[in-house]
Amino acid sequence: MSSSVSSREQRLVAAREALASNSHLIDGAMKYYPVPGGVITFADSEGVLAEQSFGHCDRERSIAMTNEKLFEIGSISKFFTALVVLELVNDGTLRLDLTLNELLPWLEFEFDATTVTLRELLNHTAGFALGSDALPDDAAEVFNSRSFAPRRGENAFRYSNVGYLLLGEIVRTASGQRCSKIVNDRWLPGLGMASALGEVRHIDRPRLAKGYWTANPDRPWVPQDPLEPAVWFELESSTGNVVASGADMAALISAIINASSGENRGGPLTAGLFSQAVEDLAPSGEPIYLLEGMAPVESSRYGYGINVELIDGHTCVSHGGGMVGYSTFMLVDCNLQVGVSVLTNANGNSFASHLLARALLAQLRAKIEKQEPLSLTFDTQVREFPDGALGDFADFEGDVVHFAQTSNNCVVHYRGRSGDIFQLQNGRYVTNHPDLRRFHFDFVEGLSPQWHHGPRVFGEGSAPTPADPLCGHYRSYSPWYPEFRIYSRQGKLFLAPGDGIEASHSESQLVPIGPSEFRIGESEESPERLRVGAERLGEVIVVNRDGCWYSRVSSE
């Protein structure tokens, strides 16, 4: 994977200059995304190249972020889980072709567990749902998920926390040890991650930056919305158990670079083990988000606990981590032999750490290769609408929204007031208009363009929305996916999540597949399920989403 690279002195200078000359990107991330603060670290095969903290680790007390602060790195921990499993495979304890019924005989699955192998769990091709995070411990959660069968289609890749929860239980069953303990006792010290921890514990809380989430989780976040401290809880899970600093992430990046170059420097991540992790790839991989002006990612495919990408001819590995109150991203260019980690105390569904890591590594690459820096911005305010999106759009009752384009931005006028329009990385729109905050806007092009806003259709061809017993606002006590709304639009039911780490950034169609059961998602390959509970006076009062119960808040 390696190629001729710059000298370390050149990399040191380039990394420092990349941070110094791109402060506008950091400022933009905090302005246009819900990011209180964070730590950015560039590293190469020998360790830290440059590091910078920004923002606050405690907003209420105006305490500035420092490089030493720890963060929950979430799903980046899946790489450690995969490496623990691979070591058990290599010593003969496990085999990649073993099936779930052979691996976990104590767990009574309510589907055919002979169709799922260890290999498929590692690269997310088993077809399991993402998971509900309804219970705090791995064994209880996999037991809670035992009735939700996997689904596979043409593109077998489906990112699944359930799959990695199962891997943690497989490690414990096969070795007699908790996966997190093996990571904590062997992998973290072996990689030189000196301050990292293998689980999230109350006693270590003062060492972490304070995590934050939106104060209004029932609606899309828009710039300048308030944030508040996120709920805190202990966690020891094979899906996201590690706590780390920027320096710890630099040690991990160094180990990856050395292993990808075929070098063994005494640590547990050998060249052979790394090759195993990045050779058996899923057909696709994690979604990619880029700032406008960046080189496209030519391919994204998931290996064992890590994503493998091709970016402008360079082989890179990446992973993001979303936790309650923490959003992180790591990206390593194996050809250039440099990497970056971005640790933030933003809630885990924020795009910012992902975007910032990719943008900063692209700028570092430009400096190392002596290319012109990219012109990049985090500004999400819409300056120009697509064709057909401007003007008046009325719903079937004649209620009108007016979309206009001024000299420097786009706005929406509604009921005598105006609001700015912002666009998310997935293409959806949000506004700070006080009467239009509850849902995203989606523009639908065509001969009769329409704007969709939750259950409402603005534009020619809009029709009344029929009533349905399911329609309403639901919530749970899960901090991962606390609430959602179900509404009917144009004869179809949709589920729209509020703010939550495991919640989708898009609405999902609810497709009836049986008595009191819906598939979440139009695709027949989707394994996500919504099961309907009791009704009261013509309204459903409780539903189950992939194992987590939600109760009706209101009919709105």
Protein backbone atom coordinates (compact mmCIF):
# COMPACT_ATOMS: atom_id res chain seq x y z
CA MET A 1 0.00 0.00 0.00
CA SER A 2 2.94 2.34 0.46
CA SER A 3 4.63 4.58 -2.08
CA SER A 4 7.45 7.09 -1.95
CA VAL A 5 6.62 9.63 0.73
CA SER A 6 7.97 12.90 2.03
CA SER A 7 10.55 13.19 4.80
CA ARG A 8 9.36 13.53 8.37
CA GLU A 9 10.59 17.12 8.52
CA GLN A 10 8.50 17.96 5.47
CA ARG A 11 5.47 16.29 7.04
CA LEU A 12 5.96 18.17 10.31
CA VAL A 13 6.09 21.52 8.54
CA ALA A 14 3.14 20.67 6.27
CA ALA A 15 0.97 19.49 9.19
CA ARG A 16 1.59 22.64 11.22
CA GLU A 17 0.89 24.83 8.21
CA ALA A 18 -2.27 22.87 7.36
CA LEU A 19 -3.68 23.55 10.81
CA ALA A 20 -2.59 27.18 10.90
CA SER A 21 -3.98 28.01 7.46
CA ASN A 22 -7.32 26.27 7.89
CA SER A 23 -8.65 27.82 11.08
CA HIS A 24 -11.64 29.02 9.02
CA LEU A 25 -12.72 25.38 8.59
CA ILE A 26 -12.65 24.83 12.36
CA ASP A 27 -14.56 28.07 12.92
CA GLY A 28 -17.08 27.06 10.27
CA ALA A 29 -17.61 23.64 11.83
CA MET A 30 -18.50 25.29 15.14
CA LYS A 31 -20.74 27.90 13.50
CA TYR A 32 -22.74 25.69 11.14
CA TYR A 33 -22.76 22.42 13.10
CA PRO A 34 -23.55 21.65 16.77
CA VAL A 35 -19.88 21.42 17.79
CA PRO A 36 -18.81 22.88 21.18
CA GLY A 37 -15.14 21.91 20.75
CA GLY A 38 -12.62 19.23 19.92
CA VAL A 39 -9.06 18.10 19.28
CA ILE A 40 -7.48 17.64 15.83
CA THR A 41 -4.38 15.45 15.53
CA PHE A 42 -2.17 14.80 12.49
CA ALA A 43 0.14 11.78 12.77
CA ASP A 44 2.57 9.70 10.75
CA SER A 45 4.44 6.44 11.38
CA GLU A 46 6.42 8.03 14.24
CA GLY A 47 3.59 9.74 16.11
CA VAL A 48 2.09 13.20 16.42
CA LEU A 49 2.89 15.69 13.65
CA ALA A 50 0.68 18.53 14.84
CA GLU A 51 -2.20 18.90 17.25
CA GLN A 52 -4.75 21.59 18.00
CA SER A 53 -7.61 21.90 20.46
CA PHE A 54 -10.50 24.27 19.83
CA GLY A 55 -13.70 25.44 21.47
CA HIS A 56 -14.81 24.39 24.94
CA CYS A 57 -14.68 21.20 26.95
CA ASP A 58 -17.24 22.77 29.33
CA ARG A 59 -19.39 25.54 27.88
CA GLU A 60 -21.26 26.32 31.09
CA ARG A 61 -18.03 27.13 32.93
CA SER A 62 -16.26 28.56 29.84
CA ILE A 63 -13.41 26.03 30.16
CA ALA A 64 -11.36 25.82 26.98
CA MET A 65 -10.64 22.48 25.35
CA THR A 66 -7.14 21.04 25.85
CA ASN A 67 -5.21 18.40 23.91
CA GLU A 68 -5.15 16.09 26.95
CA LYS A 69 -8.92 15.66 27.17
CA LEU A 70 -10.41 12.24 26.51
CA PHE A 71 -13.35 11.47 24.22
CA GLU A 72 -15.53 8.45 23.60
CA ILE A 73 -14.43 7.27 20.14
CA GLY A 74 -17.48 5.07 19.60
CA SER A 75 -17.47 2.77 16.59
CA ILE A 76 -13.78 3.29 15.86
CA SER A 77 -13.58 0.71 18.68
CA LYS A 78 -15.02 -1.88 16.25
CA PHE A 79 -11.53 -2.16 14.75
CA PHE A 80 -10.25 -3.44 18.10
CA THR A 81 -13.13 -5.91 18.37
CA ALA A 82 -12.31 -7.22 14.90
CA LEU A 83 -8.61 -7.57 15.77
CA VAL A 84 -9.44 -9.54 18.93
CA VAL A 85 -11.61 -11.88 16.84
CA LEU A 86 -8.88 -12.29 14.21
CA GLU A 87 -6.35 -13.29 16.87
CA LEU A 88 -8.77 -15.97 18.07
CA VAL A 89 -9.11 -17.14 14.47
CA ASN A 90 -5.34 -17.24 14.00
CA ASP A 91 -4.74 -19.28 17.17
CA GLY A 92 -7.36 -21.82 16.10
CA THR A 93 -10.01 -20.95 18.69
CA LEU A 94 -12.44 -19.68 16.03
CA ARG A 95 -12.98 -20.13 12.29
CA LEU A 96 -14.36 -17.51 9.92
CA ASP A 97 -16.86 -20.00 8.47
CA LEU A 98 -18.43 -20.89 11.82
CA THR A 99 -22.12 -20.03 11.99
CA LEU A 100 -24.05 -18.21 14.69
CA ASN A 101 -25.72 -21.33 16.04
CA GLU A 102 -22.25 -22.90 16.46
CA LEU A 103 -20.70 -19.74 17.93
CA LEU A 104 -23.44 -18.84 20.43
CA PRO A 105 -25.24 -22.05 21.40
CA TRP A 106 -26.67 -20.42 24.53
CA LEU A 107 -28.61 -17.84 22.52
CA GLU A 108 -31.91 -19.18 21.17
CA PHE A 109 -32.35 -17.30 17.90
CA GLU A 110 -35.86 -17.08 16.48
CA PHE A 111 -34.52 -17.28 12.91
CA ASP A 112 -32.24 -19.64 11.03
CA ALA A 113 -28.85 -18.87 12.63
CA THR A 114 -27.07 -21.36 10.37
CA THR A 115 -27.12 -18.78 7.56
CA VAL A 116 -24.85 -16.23 9.29
CA THR A 117 -21.08 -16.70 9.59
CA LEU A 118 -18.37 -15.04 11.64
CA ARG A 119 -16.89 -13.55 8.46
CA GLU A 120 -20.19 -11.85 7.62
CA LEU A 121 -20.46 -10.31 11.08
CA LEU A 122 -16.97 -8.83 10.74
CA ASN A 123 -17.59 -6.99 7.46
CA HIS A 124 -21.28 -6.17 8.02
CA THR A 125 -22.62 -8.49 5.32
CA ALA A 126 -24.79 -10.61 7.64
CA GLY A 127 -27.80 -8.39 6.94
CA PHE A 128 -28.72 -7.43 10.50
CA ALA A 129 -30.46 -4.19 11.39
CA LEU A 130 -28.45 -1.35 12.89
CA GLY A 131 -29.95 -2.10 16.30
CA SER A 132 -32.15 -0.39 18.85
CA ASP A 133 -29.78 0.16 21.82
CA ALA A 134 -32.77 -0.51 24.04
CA LEU A 135 -30.72 -2.19 26.78
CA PRO A 136 -27.34 -1.10 28.19
CA ASP A 137 -25.45 -4.42 28.11
CA ASP A 138 -24.38 -6.52 25.12
CA ALA A 139 -25.76 -9.91 26.17
CA ALA A 140 -29.15 -8.44 27.03
CA GLU A 141 -29.28 -6.50 23.77
CA VAL A 142 -28.50 -9.50 21.55
CA PHE A 143 -31.11 -11.50 23.46
CA ASN A 144 -33.56 -8.65 22.88
CA SER A 145 -32.72 -8.72 19.14
CA ARG A 146 -32.96 -12.49 18.67
CA SER A 147 -36.34 -12.32 16.90
CA PHE A 148 -35.24 -9.81 14.24
CA ALA A 149 -34.01 -11.85 11.30
CA PRO A 150 -31.24 -10.59 9.00
CA ARG A 151 -32.04 -9.67 5.39
CA ARG A 152 -29.61 -9.78 2.49
CA GLY A 153 -29.89 -8.49 -1.05
CA GLU A 154 -27.68 -7.61 -4.01
CA ASN A 155 -25.65 -5.18 -1.91
CA ALA A 156 -25.02 -7.27 1.17
CA PHE A 157 -23.32 -4.50 3.17
CA ARG A 158 -25.47 -3.14 6.00
CA TYR A 159 -23.76 -1.45 8.92
CA SER A 160 -24.96 -3.18 12.09
CA ASN A 161 -24.24 -2.64 15.75
CA VAL A 162 -26.12 -5.88 16.40
CA GLY A 163 -23.46 -7.75 14.42
CA TYR A 164 -20.65 -6.36 16.58
CA LEU A 165 -22.62 -6.96 19.78
CA LEU A 166 -22.74 -10.59 18.65
CA LEU A 167 -18.97 -10.53 18.01
CA GLY A 168 -18.40 -9.36 21.58
CA GLU A 169 -20.47 -12.24 22.90
CA ILE A 170 -18.61 -14.64 20.59
CA VAL A 171 -15.28 -13.46 22.03
CA ARG A 172 -16.55 -13.90 25.59
CA THR A 173 -17.98 -17.37 24.86
CA ALA A 174 -14.85 -18.56 23.03
CA SER A 175 -12.17 -17.04 25.31
CA GLY A 176 -13.89 -16.67 28.66
CA GLN A 177 -12.92 -13.00 28.74
CA ARG A 178 -14.79 -9.77 28.03
CA CYS A 179 -13.74 -8.27 24.72
CA SER A 180 -13.30 -4.85 26.35
CA LYS A 181 -10.91 -6.31 28.92
CA ILE A 182 -8.74 -7.84 26.19
CA VAL A 183 -8.70 -4.48 24.40
CA ASN A 184 -7.88 -2.63 27.62
CA ASP A 185 -5.20 -5.03 28.87
CA ARG A 186 -3.51 -6.00 25.59
CA TRP A 187 -4.32 -3.75 22.68
CA LEU A 188 -4.34 -0.23 24.11
CA PRO A 189 -1.00 -0.51 25.97
CA GLY A 190 0.48 -2.60 23.16
CA LEU A 191 -0.21 0.19 20.68
CA GLY A 192 1.13 2.89 23.00
CA MET A 193 -2.30 4.41 23.62
CA ALA A 194 -1.13 5.41 27.07
CA SER A 195 -4.15 7.33 28.35
CA ALA A 196 -6.85 5.35 26.52
CA LEU A 197 -9.43 3.30 28.39
CA GLY A 198 -11.25 0.12 27.36
CA GLU A 199 -14.59 1.14 28.85
CA VAL A 200 -16.56 4.23 29.84
CA ARG A 201 -16.67 4.45 33.65
CA HIS A 202 -18.07 6.95 36.14
CA ILE A 203 -14.72 7.27 37.89
CA ASP A 204 -13.03 8.51 34.70
CA ARG A 205 -15.67 11.08 33.82
CA PRO A 206 -13.61 14.13 34.96
CA ARG A 207 -10.94 13.22 32.39
CA LEU A 208 -13.36 13.45 29.47
CA ALA A 209 -14.54 16.54 27.67
CA LYS A 210 -18.18 17.17 28.56
CA GLY A 211 -20.45 15.80 25.85
CA TYR A 212 -23.28 17.84 24.33
CA TRP A 213 -26.46 17.31 22.34
CA THR A 214 -29.23 19.46 20.96
CA ALA A 215 -31.69 20.99 23.41
CA ASN A 216 -34.54 20.37 20.94
CA PRO A 217 -34.30 16.69 19.93
CA ASP A 218 -37.77 16.64 18.39
CA ARG A 219 -36.77 18.63 15.31
CA PRO A 220 -33.85 19.15 12.90
CA TRP A 221 -30.96 21.21 14.24
CA VAL A 222 -30.23 24.53 12.54
CA PRO A 223 -27.25 26.84 13.17
CA GLN A 224 -27.47 28.78 16.44
CA ASP A 225 -29.91 26.29 18.00
CA PRO A 226 -29.14 25.75 21.70
CA LEU A 227 -27.09 22.82 22.98
CA GLU A 228 -27.10 21.28 26.43
CA PRO A 229 -24.95 18.71 28.26
CA ALA A 230 -25.75 15.19 27.06
CA VAL A 231 -26.81 12.46 29.44
CA TRP A 232 -23.89 10.47 30.88
CA PHE A 233 -23.78 6.72 31.45
CA GLU A 234 -21.24 3.93 31.80
CA LEU A 235 -20.61 1.70 28.80
CA GLU A 236 -18.64 -1.47 28.13
CA SER A 237 -19.58 -2.69 24.68
CA SER A 238 -17.88 -4.35 21.74
CA THR A 239 -19.53 -1.79 19.43
CA GLY A 240 -17.94 1.30 21.01
CA ASN A 241 -16.07 0.92 24.28
CA VAL A 242 -12.82 2.90 23.91
CA VAL A 243 -12.06 6.34 25.37
CA ALA A 244 -9.02 8.14 23.92
CA SER A 245 -7.11 11.41 23.57
CA GLY A 246 -5.66 12.92 20.42
CA ALA A 247 -2.24 11.48 21.31
CA ASP A 248 -3.81 8.04 21.71
CA MET A 249 -5.38 8.35 18.27
CA ALA A 250 -1.97 9.34 16.88
CA ALA A 251 -0.55 6.09 18.29
CA LEU A 252 -3.29 4.12 16.56
CA ILE A 253 -2.72 5.94 13.27
CA SER A 254 1.04 5.24 13.53
CA ALA A 255 0.38 1.54 14.07
CA ILE A 256 -1.93 1.44 11.03
CA ILE A 257 0.62 3.22 8.83
CA ASN A 258 3.43 0.89 9.90
CA ALA A 259 1.31 -2.23 9.43
CA SER A 260 0.04 -1.04 6.04
CA SER A 261 3.67 -0.55 4.97
CA GLY A 262 4.50 -4.15 5.86
CA GLU A 263 6.49 -3.20 8.96
CA ASN A 264 6.25 -4.93 12.33
CA ARG A 265 7.51 -2.67 15.10
CA GLY A 266 6.78 -4.88 18.06
CA GLY A 267 3.19 -3.90 18.61
CA PRO A 268 0.20 -6.24 18.34
CA LEU A 269 -0.99 -4.78 15.03
CA THR A 270 1.26 -6.73 12.68
CA ALA A 271 1.38 -6.36 8.93
CA GLY A 272 -0.24 -9.78 8.58
CA LEU A 273 -3.09 -8.99 10.94
CA PHE A 274 -3.75 -5.66 9.22
CA SER A 275 -3.81 -7.38 5.82
CA GLN A 276 -6.44 -9.79 7.09
CA ALA A 277 -8.57 -6.87 8.26
CA VAL A 278 -8.52 -5.02 4.93
CA GLU A 279 -8.59 -7.81 2.33
CA ASP A 280 -12.00 -9.44 2.75
CA LEU A 281 -14.13 -6.45 1.76
CA ALA A 282 -17.89 -6.00 1.61
CA PRO A 283 -19.38 -4.92 -1.74
CA SER A 284 -19.68 -1.38 -0.40
CA GLY A 285 -18.96 0.58 2.75
CA GLU A 286 -19.83 3.52 4.93
CA PRO A 287 -21.45 6.61 3.39
CA ILE A 288 -19.08 9.39 2.40
CA TYR A 289 -19.68 13.09 3.05
CA LEU A 290 -17.46 15.74 1.46
CA LEU A 291 -17.28 19.49 1.35
CA GLU A 292 -17.83 20.96 -2.10
CA GLY A 293 -14.57 21.12 -4.04
CA MET A 294 -12.99 17.94 -2.64
CA ALA A 295 -11.84 15.00 -4.75
CA PRO A 296 -14.49 12.27 -4.85
CA VAL A 297 -13.97 8.98 -3.04
CA GLU A 298 -13.61 6.46 -5.83
CA SER A 299 -14.64 3.47 -3.73
CA SER A 300 -15.71 2.75 -0.16
CA ARG A 301 -15.77 -0.86 1.08
CA TYR A 302 -15.89 -2.21 4.61
CA GLY A 303 -13.31 -4.71 5.83
CA TYR A 304 -13.07 -6.15 9.33
CA GLY A 305 -13.88 -3.28 11.68
CA ILE A 306 -12.50 -0.63 9.34
CA ASN A 307 -13.54 1.06 6.09
CA VAL A 308 -11.20 0.86 3.06
CA GLU A 309 -11.36 3.69 0.51
CA LEU A 310 -9.71 4.80 -2.69
CA ILE A 311 -9.29 8.58 -2.77
CA ASP A 312 -7.68 10.12 -5.85
CA GLY A 313 -5.56 7.01 -6.35
CA HIS A 314 -4.56 6.61 -2.68
CA THR A 315 -5.61 3.70 -0.48
CA CYS A 316 -7.04 5.04 2.77
CA VAL A 317 -8.70 3.53 5.82
CA SER A 318 -11.28 5.27 7.94
CA HIS A 319 -13.88 4.94 10.63
CA GLY A 320 -16.23 7.26 12.46
CA GLY A 321 -17.62 7.04 15.93
CA GLY A 322 -20.96 8.37 17.13
CA MET A 323 -21.72 8.32 20.84
CA VAL A 324 -24.12 10.20 23.08
CA GLY A 325 -22.34 13.56 23.32
CA TYR A 326 -19.30 12.62 21.20
CA SER A 327 -18.58 12.52 17.45
CA THR A 328 -15.20 11.33 16.12
CA PHE A 329 -13.54 10.43 12.85
CA MET A 330 -10.20 8.88 11.83
CA LEU A 331 -8.80 8.88 8.28
CA VAL A 332 -5.41 7.41 7.31
CA ASP A 333 -3.76 7.78 3.89
CA CYS A 334 -1.65 4.62 3.60
CA ASN A 335 0.18 5.85 0.48
CA LEU A 336 1.07 9.26 1.89
CA GLN A 337 1.67 7.66 5.31
CA VAL A 338 -0.16 10.34 7.25
CA GLY A 339 -3.48 10.37 9.05
CA VAL A 340 -5.81 12.61 10.99
CA SER A 341 -8.22 12.16 13.87
CA VAL A 342 -10.92 14.63 14.83
CA LEU A 343 -12.43 14.19 18.29
CA THR A 344 -15.38 16.40 19.19
CA ASN A 345 -17.86 16.71 22.04
CA ALA A 346 -20.73 17.10 19.57
CA ASN A 347 -23.54 14.58 19.59
CA GLY A 348 -22.70 11.46 17.60
CA ASN A 349 -24.92 12.15 14.60
CA SER A 350 -23.08 15.36 13.68
CA PHE A 351 -21.47 15.40 10.22
CA ALA A 352 -18.78 17.82 11.40
CA SER A 353 -16.02 15.45 12.59
CA HIS A 354 -16.33 13.45 9.35
CA LEU A 355 -16.19 16.55 7.16
CA LEU A 356 -13.41 18.22 9.13
CA ALA A 357 -11.16 15.15 9.05
CA ARG A 358 -11.55 14.72 5.30
CA ALA A 359 -11.08 18.41 4.56
CA LEU A 360 -7.97 18.78 6.72
CA LEU A 361 -6.29 15.64 5.39
CA ALA A 362 -6.98 16.84 1.83
CA GLN A 363 -5.33 20.17 2.68
CA LEU A 364 -2.35 18.36 4.25
CA ARG A 365 -1.97 16.23 1.15
CA ALA A 366 -2.00 19.36 -1.03
CA LYS A 367 0.83 20.85 1.05
CA ILE A 368 2.92 17.68 1.04
CA GLU A 369 2.49 17.27 -2.72
CA LYS A 370 3.04 21.02 -3.25
CA GLN A 371 -0.36 21.54 -4.84
CA GLU A 372 -2.63 24.55 -4.49
CA PRO A 373 -4.80 24.35 -1.35
CA LEU A 374 -8.46 23.59 -1.89
CA SER A 375 -11.05 26.32 -1.48
CA LEU A 376 -13.37 24.80 1.11
CA THR A 377 -16.09 26.11 3.41
CA PHE A 378 -18.42 24.76 6.08
CA ASP A 379 -21.07 27.35 5.28
CA THR A 380 -24.38 25.47 4.91
CA GLN A 381 -26.54 28.50 4.14
CA VAL A 382 -28.13 28.06 0.72
CA ARG A 383 -27.09 30.68 -1.86
CA GLU A 384 -28.81 29.20 -4.90
CA PHE A 385 -31.76 26.85 -5.37
CA PRO A 386 -32.12 24.22 -8.10
CA ASP A 387 -34.29 25.03 -11.11
CA GLY A 388 -37.98 25.14 -10.31
CA ALA A 389 -37.54 25.60 -6.56
CA LEU A 390 -38.28 29.35 -6.43
CA GLY A 391 -41.65 31.03 -6.11
CA ASP A 392 -45.00 30.27 -4.48
CA PHE A 393 -45.99 26.72 -3.53
CA ALA A 394 -49.42 26.03 -2.07
CA ASP A 395 -50.80 22.98 -0.30
CA PHE A 396 -54.29 21.63 -0.99
CA GLU A 397 -55.79 24.09 1.51
CA GLY A 398 -54.14 27.06 -0.21
CA ASP A 399 -51.56 27.65 2.51
CA VAL A 400 -48.55 29.14 0.69
CA VAL A 401 -44.79 29.03 1.20
CA HIS A 402 -42.65 31.33 -0.92
CA PHE A 403 -39.02 30.48 -1.69
CA ALA A 404 -36.88 33.41 -2.78
CA GLN A 405 -33.26 34.02 -3.73
CA THR A 406 -31.65 37.27 -2.64
CA SER A 407 -28.26 38.65 -3.65
CA ASN A 408 -26.41 36.45 -1.17
CA ASN A 409 -28.75 33.78 0.25
CA CYS A 410 -32.04 31.91 -0.04
CA VAL A 411 -35.04 32.39 2.24
CA VAL A 412 -38.52 31.06 2.79
CA HIS A 413 -41.50 33.37 3.48
CA TYR A 414 -44.48 31.96 5.33
CA ARG A 415 -47.37 33.56 7.18
CA GLY A 416 -45.78 37.00 7.25
CA ARG A 417 -42.34 35.90 8.47
CA SER A 418 -39.09 34.85 6.82
CA GLY A 419 -36.42 32.27 7.55
CA ASP A 420 -32.98 31.35 6.23
CA ILE A 421 -32.49 28.06 4.40
CA PHE A 422 -29.61 25.65 5.15
CA GLN A 423 -28.65 22.47 3.31
CA LEU A 424 -27.34 19.32 5.00
CA GLN A 425 -24.63 17.12 3.51
CA ASN A 426 -27.25 14.55 2.47
CA GLY A 427 -29.04 17.16 0.33
CA ARG A 428 -32.00 17.91 2.62
CA TYR A 429 -32.95 21.42 3.67
CA VAL A 430 -33.78 22.96 7.05
CA THR A 431 -34.91 26.44 8.00
CA ASN A 432 -34.86 28.61 11.09
CA HIS A 433 -38.35 29.92 10.24
CA PRO A 434 -40.22 29.55 13.57
CA ASP A 435 -43.31 27.99 11.96
CA LEU A 436 -41.40 25.48 9.81
CA ARG A 437 -38.94 23.97 12.29
CA ARG A 438 -40.57 20.61 12.93
CA PHE A 439 -39.50 18.85 9.72
CA HIS A 440 -36.88 18.92 6.99
CA PHE A 441 -37.76 20.29 3.56
CA ASP A 442 -37.19 18.08 0.52
CA PHE A 443 -37.40 19.48 -3.01
CA VAL A 444 -38.92 17.13 -5.57
CA GLU A 445 -38.08 18.06 -9.16
CA GLY A 446 -40.34 17.30 -12.11
CA LEU A 447 -42.92 18.80 -14.42
CA SER A 448 -44.79 19.92 -11.31
CA PRO A 449 -42.09 20.65 -8.71
CA GLN A 450 -43.04 20.18 -5.09
CA TRP A 451 -41.63 20.92 -1.65
CA HIS A 452 -42.28 18.19 0.94
CA HIS A 453 -42.35 19.19 4.60
CA GLY A 454 -43.17 16.18 6.75
CA PRO A 455 -46.80 15.28 5.96
CA ARG A 456 -47.39 18.39 3.87
CA VAL A 457 -46.97 18.78 0.12
CA PHE A 458 -46.52 22.29 -1.24
CA GLY A 459 -46.98 22.46 -4.99
CA GLU A 460 -49.23 21.41 -7.82
CA GLY A 461 -50.84 18.04 -7.24
CA SER A 462 -50.91 18.25 -3.45
CA ALA A 463 -53.75 16.33 -1.85
CA PRO A 464 -55.17 15.97 1.66
CA THR A 465 -53.31 13.60 3.95
CA PRO A 466 -55.53 10.73 5.11
CA ALA A 467 -55.74 10.00 8.82
CA ASP A 468 -54.09 6.84 10.17
CA PRO A 469 -54.06 5.38 13.69
CA LEU A 470 -50.24 5.29 13.62
CA CYS A 471 -49.70 8.98 12.89
CA GLY A 472 -48.24 10.88 15.80
CA HIS A 473 -45.18 11.69 17.89
CA TYR A 474 -43.46 8.84 19.79
CA ARG A 475 -40.63 8.76 22.32
CA SER A 476 -38.57 6.40 24.49
CA TYR A 477 -35.93 6.73 27.19
CA SER A 478 -33.17 5.63 24.81
CA PRO A 479 -30.59 8.43 24.39
CA TRP A 480 -29.44 6.82 21.14
CA TYR A 481 -32.75 7.21 19.30
CA PRO A 482 -35.08 9.08 21.64
CA GLU A 483 -38.05 9.95 19.44
CA PHE A 484 -39.66 10.06 16.02
CA ARG A 485 -42.82 11.13 14.24
CA ILE A 486 -44.99 9.05 11.94
CA TYR A 487 -47.05 10.82 9.31
CA SER A 488 -48.96 10.11 6.14
CA ARG A 489 -48.14 11.83 2.85
CA GLN A 490 -49.61 11.13 -0.56
CA GLY A 491 -51.12 7.86 0.63
CA LYS A 492 -47.92 6.50 2.24
CA LEU A 493 -46.74 6.31 5.86
CA PHE A 494 -43.33 7.71 6.80
CA LEU A 495 -41.19 7.62 9.94
CA ALA A 496 -39.10 10.74 10.57
CA PRO A 497 -36.55 10.53 13.40
CA GLY A 498 -35.74 13.43 15.66
CA ASP A 499 -32.19 14.08 16.81
CA GLY A 500 -30.36 10.91 17.82
CA ILE A 501 -27.07 9.11 17.20
CA GLU A 502 -28.62 6.03 15.63
CA ALA A 503 -31.45 7.94 13.97
CA SER A 504 -31.36 8.33 10.22
CA HIS A 505 -30.93 11.79 8.70
CA SER A 506 -33.74 10.91 6.28
CA GLU A 507 -37.36 9.90 6.52
CA SER A 508 -38.20 6.23 5.91
CA GLN A 509 -41.32 4.81 4.33
CA LEU A 510 -43.28 2.35 6.47
CA VAL A 511 -44.35 -0.61 4.34
CA PRO A 512 -46.94 -3.03 5.77
CA ILE A 513 -45.63 -6.62 5.69
CA GLY A 514 -47.97 -8.40 8.07
CA PRO A 515 -50.53 -7.96 10.82
CA SER A 516 -49.40 -5.01 12.96
CA GLU A 517 -45.89 -5.04 11.42
CA PHE A 518 -44.13 -2.65 9.04
CA ARG A 519 -40.80 -2.69 7.24
CA ILE A 520 -38.88 0.53 7.88
CA GLY A 521 -37.66 1.46 4.42
CA GLU A 522 -38.98 1.01 0.92
CA SER A 523 -36.33 -1.55 -0.03
CA GLU A 524 -37.30 -5.19 0.46
CA GLU A 525 -33.75 -5.75 1.74
CA SER A 526 -34.30 -3.61 4.84
CA PRO A 527 -34.25 -5.65 8.09
CA GLU A 528 -35.60 -2.75 10.20
CA ARG A 529 -39.04 -3.40 11.67
CA LEU A 530 -41.81 -1.46 13.41
CA ARG A 531 -44.30 -3.54 15.36
CA VAL A 532 -47.56 -1.98 16.46
CA GLY A 533 -48.95 -2.39 19.97
CA ALA A 534 -52.26 -1.39 21.50
CA GLU A 535 -54.74 1.19 20.24
CA ARG A 536 -56.82 3.58 22.30
CA LEU A 537 -59.75 5.55 20.86
CA GLY A 538 -58.56 5.04 17.30
CA GLU A 539 -54.88 5.86 17.97
CA VAL A 540 -51.90 3.56 18.39
CA ILE A 541 -50.35 4.27 21.80
CA VAL A 542 -47.22 2.09 21.69
CA VAL A 543 -44.87 0.74 19.00
CA ASN A 544 -41.69 -1.34 18.99
CA ARG A 545 -38.80 -0.32 16.72
CA ASP A 546 -36.30 -3.18 16.36
CA GLY A 547 -36.70 -4.15 20.01
CA CYS A 548 -37.12 -0.72 21.62
CA TRP A 549 -40.55 0.37 22.85
CA TYR A 550 -41.89 3.87 22.13
CA SER A 551 -45.03 5.48 23.52
CA ARG A 552 -47.22 8.11 21.90
CA VAL A 553 -46.50 11.67 23.06
CA SER A 554 -49.15 13.41 21.02
CA SER A 555 -51.10 13.22 17.78
CA GLU A 556 -49.13 16.06 16.18
